[in-house]
Amino acid sequence: MAREKTIYTCTECGGTSAKWLGRCPACGAWNTLVEGPADVSAAGASKNRFQALAKSQPVATLSEIEAGDVARTPTGIEELDRVLGGGIVAGGVVLIGGDPGIGKSTLLLQAVDALSQQMLVLYVTGEESGAQVALRARRLGLEGARVRVLAEINLEKILATVEAERPAFCVIDSIQTLYSEQLTSAPGSVAQVRECAAHLTRSAKGGGTSIVLVGHVTKEGALAGPRVLEHMVDTVLYFEGDTHSSFRLVRAIKNRFGAVNEIGVFAMTEKGLKGVANPSAIFLSTHGEPVPGSCVLVTLEGTRPLLVEIQALVDAGGPSPRRLSVGLDRDRLAMLLAVLHRHAGVSCMDQDVFVNAVGGVRISEPAADLAVLLAIHSSLRGKPLPRGFIAFGEVGLAGEVRPAPRGQERLKEAAKLGFSVAVVPRANLPKKPIEGLSIHPVERIEEAIQVLRGLD
């Protein structure tokens, strides 16, 4: 019996190789080639995939092209609209990913039900039966009188249904379950995910249907399948947060129609996901009295300033002290500890240092540096920071405290929530005083330490 021909496909870019290689010849990624059956019709499918996604237009001068605002339709869920940039766009394709059970299908079912009051909608489920979707809708208290549901995983049948129904909004749950008859590989393979997404994107652009694709994630938290999937779509959203917590964060990683790094904050309830009106409240612990090792940071998530509590615990370590951070970059923590020792004379070489961002939020901006260092210093001394204290600012290797973008908005948000003392970079000192907020500008980390000692 003839041996079935196999081919190796890169999970990052979708490139192929006749034999296994440690490094992908197309994108250079290591250990990403996966063996699978060779697709006899892959060449023809690839040719179709690279057809124009919209009607071809003649070459035009950029200044002569009419640029109109993109019309948006609100979903009825305020936090989701914020992440999307105001609502859904006709012909737009959204990819949303997250851990299993975090609430992707729940949120989209709520959005479909809300949008069904003003437009034709279609919910395509490949992982559940129609009865299971109906059961979830009843549990969430959704009427679903105008929601059309299709339980199907065959791409050609789905495209035919979209062509017949002509919905304005369509959810595909999920892209990894679909397969095309043009390919012989199994559903979820790199080739199937890439081809199905390409056909759905072309259908959205050509017919004006707004499509949302649900994507699985790997154990590292990245979307499963080729990275080209993220380049095809207009918007990429990620669910963040612990499945054991009642709060969920939806972050925009890419958005051709709005700002990136916007976040929407939701609370998981018996009736589904509900938007949180004051998200800063969930990231602040409710201490009766100030405790050592706690410092409040004003961080920016897209256009929204958020107050997040940074907690630090410094404890006796040993010959190999541990450095552990949750929600913050571990390598940056090691760098900040070296700056604290070199320029402020505060040593943690023989101490275990643990840093945590409360509420499960992930902070990537360097403006968190100053708050992290002040929380570590507070824990090491065993003395709490003053009540109503906030801090933000980037710390450089030379010990300087650099300004953070949109500092005045951060300070106004803190003052609005009742905070009264702030240590900020000197360049972020507002020209006019902010009522109720005492601001201490600093240029170096040692100045910030001196300010704290003066506030004791």
Protein backbone atom coordinates (compact mmCIF):
# COMPACT_ATOMS: atom_id res chain seq x y z
CA MET A 1 0.00 0.00 0.00
CA ALA A 2 1.42 3.39 -0.99
CA ARG A 3 2.42 5.62 1.89
CA GLU A 4 0.28 8.74 2.19
CA LYS A 5 2.23 11.84 1.25
CA THR A 6 2.76 14.29 4.08
CA ILE A 7 3.93 17.88 4.29
CA TYR A 8 5.20 20.07 7.12
CA THR A 9 3.32 23.33 7.76
CA CYS A 10 4.43 26.27 9.94
CA THR A 11 1.91 27.14 12.64
CA GLU A 12 3.09 30.76 12.67
CA CYS A 13 2.98 31.80 9.01
CA GLY A 14 1.45 28.81 7.19
CA GLY A 15 4.57 28.17 5.10
CA THR A 16 5.21 24.60 3.97
CA SER A 17 8.24 22.33 3.67
CA ALA A 18 8.66 18.86 2.19
CA LYS A 19 10.71 17.75 5.22
CA TRP A 20 10.96 18.68 8.87
CA LEU A 21 13.27 21.58 9.70
CA GLY A 22 14.07 23.07 13.06
CA ARG A 23 13.46 26.55 11.67
CA CYS A 24 10.72 27.64 9.28
CA PRO A 25 12.29 28.70 5.95
CA ALA A 26 9.53 31.29 5.40
CA CYS A 27 9.32 33.25 8.67
CA GLY A 28 12.35 32.00 10.64
CA ALA A 29 10.34 30.75 13.66
CA TRP A 30 11.81 27.80 15.55
CA ASN A 31 10.06 24.45 16.15
CA THR A 32 6.83 25.48 14.41
CA LEU A 33 6.68 22.91 11.58
CA VAL A 34 3.90 20.35 12.11
CA GLU A 35 3.42 17.24 9.98
CA GLY A 36 0.12 16.74 8.20
CA PRO A 37 -1.36 15.21 5.04
CA ALA A 38 -0.53 17.01 1.82
CA ASP A 39 -3.53 18.79 0.33
CA VAL A 40 -3.95 17.83 -3.29
CA SER A 41 -6.15 20.81 -3.98
CA ALA A 42 -4.18 23.30 -1.86
CA ALA A 43 -2.69 25.01 -4.90
CA GLY A 44 -6.10 25.74 -6.36
CA ALA A 45 -7.45 26.89 -3.01
CA SER A 46 -4.49 29.22 -2.49
CA LYS A 47 -5.11 30.72 -5.92
CA ASN A 48 -8.72 31.45 -4.91
CA ARG A 49 -7.66 32.83 -1.56
CA PHE A 50 -5.53 35.54 -3.12
CA GLN A 51 -8.32 36.83 -5.31
CA ALA A 52 -9.35 40.39 -4.56
CA LEU A 53 -11.39 40.79 -1.39
CA ALA A 54 -13.38 43.60 -3.00
CA LYS A 55 -14.19 44.86 -6.47
CA SER A 56 -11.08 46.12 -8.21
CA GLN A 57 -10.80 49.89 -8.61
CA PRO A 58 -8.64 52.00 -10.92
CA VAL A 59 -5.50 53.69 -9.64
CA ALA A 60 -6.31 57.04 -8.02
CA THR A 61 -4.43 59.89 -6.37
CA LEU A 62 -4.60 59.74 -2.59
CA SER A 63 -5.66 63.38 -2.21
CA GLU A 64 -8.57 62.86 -4.61
CA ILE A 65 -10.02 59.82 -2.82
CA GLU A 66 -13.09 60.70 -0.79
CA ALA A 67 -12.52 59.79 2.86
CA GLY A 68 -15.78 59.52 4.76
CA ASP A 69 -16.34 58.47 8.34
CA VAL A 70 -17.09 54.78 8.85
CA ALA A 71 -20.71 54.19 9.88
CA ARG A 72 -20.98 52.22 13.13
CA THR A 73 -23.85 50.34 14.67
CA PRO A 74 -23.79 50.07 18.49
CA THR A 75 -24.18 46.54 19.82
CA GLY A 76 -26.12 47.67 22.86
CA ILE A 77 -23.28 46.55 25.16
CA GLU A 78 -21.39 49.71 26.09
CA GLU A 79 -18.10 48.10 27.11
CA LEU A 80 -17.99 46.01 23.92
CA ASP A 81 -18.69 49.11 21.82
CA ARG A 82 -15.77 50.87 23.53
CA VAL A 83 -13.36 48.10 22.54
CA LEU A 84 -14.70 47.96 18.98
CA GLY A 85 -14.29 51.72 18.60
CA GLY A 86 -17.98 52.63 18.79
CA GLY A 87 -19.77 49.61 17.34
CA ILE A 88 -19.71 47.16 14.45
CA VAL A 89 -18.80 48.22 10.91
CA ALA A 90 -20.49 46.87 7.78
CA GLY A 91 -18.11 44.46 6.07
CA GLY A 92 -15.76 44.41 9.06
CA VAL A 93 -14.26 41.15 10.35
CA VAL A 94 -13.54 40.75 14.07
CA LEU A 95 -11.48 37.93 15.59
CA ILE A 96 -12.02 37.29 19.30
CA GLY A 97 -9.97 34.80 21.34
CA GLY A 98 -9.68 33.66 24.92
CA ASP A 99 -9.37 30.69 27.24
CA PRO A 100 -12.12 28.04 27.29
CA GLY A 101 -15.06 29.01 29.48
CA ILE A 102 -14.03 32.66 29.84
CA GLY A 103 -17.22 34.00 28.24
CA LYS A 104 -16.65 34.44 24.48
CA SER A 105 -19.81 32.67 23.37
CA THR A 106 -21.84 34.22 26.18
CA LEU A 107 -20.87 37.77 25.26
CA LEU A 108 -21.46 37.24 21.55
CA LEU A 109 -24.85 35.62 22.14
CA GLN A 110 -25.84 38.68 24.18
CA ALA A 111 -24.60 40.96 21.38
CA VAL A 112 -26.47 38.96 18.72
CA ASP A 113 -29.70 39.15 20.71
CA ALA A 114 -29.34 42.92 21.21
CA LEU A 115 -28.52 43.56 17.53
CA SER A 116 -31.42 41.39 16.36
CA GLN A 117 -33.80 44.19 17.38
CA GLN A 118 -32.46 46.42 14.59
CA MET A 119 -30.96 44.13 11.90
CA LEU A 120 -30.85 40.59 10.53
CA VAL A 121 -28.41 38.40 12.51
CA LEU A 122 -27.06 34.86 12.16
CA TYR A 123 -25.33 32.76 14.82
CA VAL A 124 -23.30 29.86 13.35
CA THR A 125 -22.21 27.30 15.92
CA GLY A 126 -19.76 24.54 15.13
CA GLU A 127 -19.09 23.40 18.69
CA GLU A 128 -22.64 23.13 20.03
CA SER A 129 -26.02 22.04 18.79
CA GLY A 130 -28.86 24.45 18.29
CA ALA A 131 -30.52 23.07 21.44
CA GLN A 132 -27.44 23.88 23.52
CA VAL A 133 -27.39 27.46 22.20
CA ALA A 134 -31.10 27.79 23.01
CA LEU A 135 -30.49 26.45 26.52
CA ARG A 136 -27.79 29.06 27.13
CA ALA A 137 -30.07 31.80 25.81
CA ARG A 138 -32.83 30.76 28.22
CA ARG A 139 -30.36 30.70 31.10
CA LEU A 140 -29.22 34.23 30.24
CA GLY A 141 -32.80 35.45 29.97
CA LEU A 142 -32.50 36.30 26.26
CA GLU A 143 -35.64 36.29 24.13
CA GLY A 144 -33.93 35.27 20.87
CA ALA A 145 -37.11 35.75 18.84
CA ARG A 146 -35.23 37.21 15.87
CA VAL A 147 -31.91 35.35 16.16
CA ARG A 148 -31.27 32.90 13.33
CA VAL A 149 -29.11 29.90 14.35
CA LEU A 150 -27.20 27.47 12.14
CA ALA A 151 -25.33 24.42 13.52
CA GLU A 152 -22.84 23.66 10.75
CA ILE A 153 -19.08 23.23 10.21
CA ASN A 154 -18.96 22.93 6.41
CA LEU A 155 -17.68 26.22 4.98
CA GLU A 156 -19.47 25.94 1.66
CA LYS A 157 -22.86 25.40 3.37
CA ILE A 158 -22.21 28.33 5.72
CA LEU A 159 -21.35 30.65 2.82
CA ALA A 160 -24.49 29.50 0.97
CA THR A 161 -26.61 30.26 4.06
CA VAL A 162 -25.04 33.70 4.43
CA GLU A 163 -25.75 34.36 0.75
CA ALA A 164 -29.39 33.27 1.16
CA GLU A 165 -30.12 34.91 4.55
CA ARG A 166 -28.15 38.14 3.87
CA PRO A 167 -27.56 38.89 7.59
CA ALA A 168 -26.03 42.23 8.57
CA PHE A 169 -24.22 40.58 11.51
CA CYS A 170 -22.89 37.02 11.69
CA VAL A 171 -21.00 35.11 14.41
CA ILE A 172 -18.85 32.07 13.57
CA ASP A 173 -18.23 29.99 16.71
CA SER A 174 -15.53 28.91 16.10
CA ILE A 175 -13.16 29.22 13.14
CA GLN A 176 -11.14 26.14 14.24
CA THR A 177 -14.17 23.86 13.78
CA LEU A 178 -14.79 24.76 10.13
CA TYR A 179 -13.54 22.83 7.13
CA SER A 180 -13.62 23.39 3.40
CA GLU A 181 -14.28 20.62 0.89
CA GLN A 182 -11.48 22.03 -1.26
CA LEU A 183 -8.91 20.76 1.25
CA THR A 184 -8.31 17.25 2.54
CA SER A 185 -6.81 18.20 5.91
CA ALA A 186 -8.77 17.98 9.16
CA PRO A 187 -10.69 20.90 10.72
CA GLY A 188 -8.41 23.06 12.86
CA SER A 189 -5.33 22.48 10.72
CA VAL A 190 -3.29 25.48 9.61
CA ALA A 191 -4.47 25.18 6.01
CA GLN A 192 -8.16 24.84 6.92
CA VAL A 193 -8.11 27.78 9.36
CA ARG A 194 -6.34 29.99 6.84
CA GLU A 195 -8.57 29.11 3.89
CA CYS A 196 -11.86 29.29 5.82
CA ALA A 197 -10.94 32.68 7.26
CA ALA A 198 -9.95 33.96 3.82
CA HIS A 199 -13.27 32.89 2.27
CA LEU A 200 -15.31 34.38 5.14
CA THR A 201 -13.36 37.64 4.93
CA ARG A 202 -13.98 37.87 1.21
CA SER A 203 -17.68 37.17 1.80
CA ALA A 204 -17.86 39.96 4.41
CA LYS A 205 -16.13 42.51 2.19
CA GLY A 206 -18.20 41.60 -0.84
CA GLY A 207 -21.61 41.34 0.83
CA GLY A 208 -21.28 43.97 3.57
CA THR A 209 -21.93 41.48 6.39
CA SER A 210 -20.13 42.17 9.66
CA ILE A 211 -18.57 38.86 10.77
CA VAL A 212 -17.16 37.88 14.16
CA LEU A 213 -14.85 34.85 14.27
CA VAL A 214 -14.30 33.09 17.59
CA GLY A 215 -10.78 31.64 17.89
CA HIS A 216 -9.23 29.10 20.25
CA VAL A 217 -6.02 29.97 22.06
CA THR A 218 -2.92 27.90 22.78
CA LYS A 219 -1.53 27.19 26.24
CA GLU A 220 0.74 30.24 25.80
CA GLY A 221 -2.36 32.42 25.34
CA ALA A 222 -1.90 33.13 21.60
CA LEU A 223 -4.56 32.44 19.02
CA ALA A 224 -4.26 28.92 17.63
CA GLY A 225 -3.48 28.68 13.94
CA PRO A 226 -1.29 30.77 11.64
CA ARG A 227 -0.48 34.38 12.57
CA VAL A 228 -1.68 35.36 9.11
CA LEU A 229 -5.19 34.92 10.55
CA GLU A 230 -4.69 38.10 12.61
CA HIS A 231 -3.49 40.00 9.55
CA MET A 232 -6.57 39.05 7.51
CA VAL A 233 -9.14 40.49 9.91
CA ASP A 234 -9.87 44.13 10.77
CA THR A 235 -10.04 43.80 14.56
CA VAL A 236 -8.47 41.37 17.03
CA LEU A 237 -9.87 41.12 20.56
CA TYR A 238 -8.53 39.04 23.45
CA PHE A 239 -10.33 37.98 26.60
CA GLU A 240 -8.15 38.37 29.70
CA GLY A 241 -8.64 37.51 33.34
CA ASP A 242 -8.84 34.42 35.48
CA THR A 243 -11.74 32.05 34.83
CA HIS A 244 -12.07 31.69 38.62
CA SER A 245 -12.65 35.46 38.98
CA SER A 246 -15.99 37.12 38.31
CA PHE A 247 -14.36 39.87 36.22
CA ARG A 248 -13.33 39.69 32.56
CA LEU A 249 -11.30 42.09 30.44
CA VAL A 250 -11.62 42.35 26.67
CA ARG A 251 -8.61 44.04 25.06
CA ALA A 252 -8.26 45.28 21.47
CA ILE A 253 -4.89 44.16 20.07
CA LYS A 254 -5.60 45.40 16.54
CA ASN A 255 -8.34 47.69 15.25
CA ARG A 256 -8.45 49.27 11.80
CA PHE A 257 -11.51 51.27 12.82
CA GLY A 258 -10.51 52.45 16.30
CA ALA A 259 -7.85 52.72 18.99
CA VAL A 260 -5.76 49.72 19.99
CA ASN A 261 -5.20 48.64 23.60
CA GLU A 262 -8.70 49.75 24.55
CA ILE A 263 -10.20 47.51 27.19
CA GLY A 264 -13.73 46.65 28.19
CA VAL A 265 -14.38 45.45 31.73
CA PHE A 266 -17.17 42.97 32.42
CA ALA A 267 -18.54 41.19 35.46
CA MET A 268 -19.77 37.60 35.03
CA THR A 269 -23.24 37.23 36.52
CA GLU A 270 -26.03 34.66 36.34
CA LYS A 271 -27.52 36.67 33.47
CA GLY A 272 -24.29 36.85 31.48
CA LEU A 273 -21.58 39.49 31.18
CA LYS A 274 -22.45 42.96 32.43
CA GLY A 275 -20.33 46.06 31.81
CA VAL A 276 -18.58 47.59 34.83
CA ALA A 277 -19.33 51.33 35.12
CA ASN A 278 -16.35 52.13 37.38
CA PRO A 279 -13.60 49.62 36.52
CA SER A 280 -11.05 51.27 38.82
CA ALA A 281 -13.04 49.99 41.80
CA ILE A 282 -12.30 46.32 40.99
CA PHE A 283 -8.54 46.91 40.77
CA LEU A 284 -8.31 48.56 44.20
CA SER A 285 -8.30 46.52 47.40
CA THR A 286 -10.55 47.67 50.21
CA HIS A 287 -8.11 48.05 53.09
CA GLY A 288 -9.52 49.57 56.26
CA GLU A 289 -6.13 51.16 56.96
CA PRO A 290 -3.11 51.62 54.66
CA VAL A 291 -0.88 48.53 54.63
CA PRO A 292 2.83 48.20 53.81
CA GLY A 293 3.70 47.19 50.25
CA SER A 294 0.65 48.71 48.56
CA CYS A 295 0.82 51.56 46.04
CA VAL A 296 -1.90 52.76 43.66
CA LEU A 297 -0.92 53.35 40.04
CA VAL A 298 -2.80 55.38 37.43
CA THR A 299 -2.34 53.45 34.19
CA LEU A 300 -3.71 54.10 30.72
CA GLU A 301 -5.60 51.43 28.80
CA GLY A 302 -6.29 52.92 25.39
CA THR A 303 -8.13 56.16 26.07
CA ARG A 304 -9.23 55.18 29.58
CA PRO A 305 -7.22 56.00 32.74
CA LEU A 306 -7.50 53.21 35.32
CA LEU A 307 -6.42 53.07 38.94
CA VAL A 308 -4.73 49.77 39.74
CA GLU A 309 -3.26 48.69 43.06
CA ILE A 310 0.29 47.36 42.92
CA GLN A 311 1.17 45.06 45.82
CA ALA A 312 4.70 44.07 46.77
CA LEU A 313 5.95 41.62 49.38
CA VAL A 314 9.62 41.59 50.39
CA ASP A 315 10.59 38.70 52.63
CA ALA A 316 13.79 37.02 53.82
CA GLY A 317 15.06 34.83 51.00
CA GLY A 318 18.36 32.99 51.02
CA PRO A 319 21.31 32.36 48.76
CA SER A 320 18.99 32.28 45.71
CA PRO A 321 16.24 34.87 46.28
CA ARG A 322 13.13 34.66 44.10
CA ARG A 323 11.78 37.38 41.83
CA LEU A 324 8.14 36.82 40.91
CA SER A 325 5.64 39.17 39.29
CA VAL A 326 2.00 38.64 38.33
CA GLY A 327 0.57 41.05 35.77
CA LEU A 328 3.94 42.78 35.27
CA ASP A 329 7.09 41.98 33.29
CA ARG A 330 9.46 39.84 35.39
CA ASP A 331 12.59 41.01 33.55
CA ARG A 332 11.66 44.64 34.16
CA LEU A 333 11.21 43.85 37.87
CA ALA A 334 14.80 42.58 38.05
CA MET A 335 16.01 45.74 36.32
CA LEU A 336 14.07 47.99 38.72
CA LEU A 337 15.54 46.21 41.76
CA ALA A 338 19.03 46.89 40.39
CA VAL A 339 18.16 50.60 39.89
CA LEU A 340 16.76 50.78 43.45
CA HIS A 341 20.00 49.36 44.84
CA ARG A 342 22.41 51.36 42.69
CA HIS A 343 20.79 54.81 42.87
CA ALA A 344 18.71 54.79 46.07
CA GLY A 345 20.89 52.55 48.23
CA VAL A 346 18.04 50.12 48.96
CA SER A 347 19.23 46.53 48.64
CA CYS A 348 17.03 43.46 48.15
CA MET A 349 19.81 41.07 47.15
CA ASP A 350 19.07 38.59 49.94
CA GLN A 351 15.28 39.06 49.88
CA ASP A 352 12.46 37.35 48.02
CA VAL A 353 10.46 39.96 46.06
CA PHE A 354 6.88 39.29 44.92
CA VAL A 355 4.88 41.87 42.95
CA ASN A 356 1.23 41.61 41.96
CA ALA A 357 -1.25 43.77 40.01
CA VAL A 358 -4.61 43.42 41.79
CA GLY A 359 -7.64 42.23 39.82
CA GLY A 360 -5.85 40.11 37.23
CA VAL A 361 -5.02 43.08 34.98
CA ARG A 362 -1.83 42.94 32.90
CA ILE A 363 0.23 46.13 32.84
CA SER A 364 2.74 46.54 30.03
CA GLU A 365 3.43 50.28 30.04
CA PRO A 366 6.67 51.49 31.72
CA ALA A 367 4.76 54.18 33.64
CA ALA A 368 4.21 51.53 36.33
CA ASP A 369 7.92 51.57 37.29
CA LEU A 370 7.71 54.22 40.01
CA ALA A 371 4.69 52.66 41.71
CA VAL A 372 6.40 49.24 41.73
CA LEU A 373 9.56 50.65 43.33
CA LEU A 374 7.65 52.61 45.98
CA ALA A 375 5.57 49.51 46.84
CA ILE A 376 8.76 47.43 47.21
CA HIS A 377 10.37 50.12 49.39
CA SER A 378 7.23 50.33 51.55
CA SER A 379 7.19 46.56 52.10
CA LEU A 380 10.90 46.46 52.90
CA ARG A 381 10.56 49.22 55.51
CA GLY A 382 7.32 47.79 56.88
CA LYS A 383 5.69 51.24 56.67
CA PRO A 384 2.53 51.90 54.63
CA LEU A 385 2.29 54.73 52.13
CA PRO A 386 0.01 57.65 53.10
CA ARG A 387 -3.73 57.28 52.68
CA GLY A 388 -4.92 58.46 49.27
CA PHE A 389 -1.45 58.07 47.70
CA ILE A 390 -0.83 57.47 43.97
CA ALA A 391 2.29 57.37 41.78
CA PHE A 392 3.27 56.85 38.16
CA GLY A 393 6.36 57.38 36.02
CA GLU A 394 8.97 55.48 34.03
CA VAL A 395 12.31 54.81 35.74
CA GLY A 396 15.47 54.67 33.64
CA LEU A 397 18.69 52.77 34.30
CA ALA A 398 20.40 56.01 35.36
CA GLY A 399 17.81 56.45 38.13
CA GLU A 400 15.90 59.23 36.37
CA VAL A 401 12.10 59.39 36.52
CA ARG A 402 10.75 59.99 33.03
CA PRO A 403 7.33 61.45 32.17
CA ALA A 404 4.30 59.32 31.33
CA PRO A 405 1.98 60.20 28.44
CA ARG A 406 -1.22 62.13 29.25
CA GLY A 407 -0.19 62.76 32.82
CA GLN A 408 -2.84 65.42 33.45
CA GLU A 409 -5.65 63.01 32.58
CA ARG A 410 -4.22 60.48 35.03
CA LEU A 411 -4.08 63.07 37.82
CA LYS A 412 -7.63 64.26 37.17
CA GLU A 413 -8.92 60.68 37.31
CA ALA A 414 -7.16 60.13 40.65
CA ALA A 415 -8.54 63.38 42.08
CA LYS A 416 -12.04 62.43 40.91
CA LEU A 417 -11.81 59.19 42.89
CA GLY A 418 -10.71 60.96 46.07
CA PHE A 419 -6.91 60.52 46.06
CA SER A 420 -5.04 63.38 47.69
CA VAL A 421 -1.26 62.76 47.39
CA ALA A 422 0.67 62.08 44.18
CA VAL A 423 4.34 61.52 43.35
CA VAL A 424 4.85 62.08 39.62
CA PRO A 425 7.66 62.94 37.18
CA ARG A 426 8.49 66.64 37.17
CA ALA A 427 7.63 66.87 33.48
CA ASN A 428 4.05 65.75 34.32
CA LEU A 429 3.49 68.56 36.84
CA PRO A 430 0.33 70.39 35.64
CA LYS A 431 0.51 74.13 35.05
CA LYS A 432 -2.63 74.67 37.13
CA PRO A 433 -3.11 72.96 40.51
CA ILE A 434 -5.72 70.21 40.69
CA GLU A 435 -8.23 70.73 43.49
CA GLY A 436 -7.84 68.30 46.36
CA LEU A 437 -4.59 66.77 45.06
CA SER A 438 -1.15 67.51 46.55
CA ILE A 439 1.43 66.80 43.82
CA HIS A 440 5.12 66.11 44.52
CA PRO A 441 7.22 66.25 41.31
CA VAL A 442 10.48 64.28 41.26
CA GLU A 443 13.31 63.87 38.75
CA ARG A 444 15.15 60.89 40.26
CA ILE A 445 14.25 57.78 42.21
CA GLU A 446 16.19 58.91 45.29
CA GLU A 447 14.07 62.09 45.36
CA ALA A 448 10.92 59.96 45.40
CA ILE A 449 12.28 57.99 48.37
CA GLN A 450 13.03 61.26 50.21
CA VAL A 451 9.53 62.54 49.51
CA LEU A 452 8.08 59.36 51.07
CA ARG A 453 10.18 59.74 54.17
CA GLY A 454 9.00 63.33 54.48
CA LEU A 455 5.37 62.20 54.29
CA ASP A 456 5.74 59.69 57.15
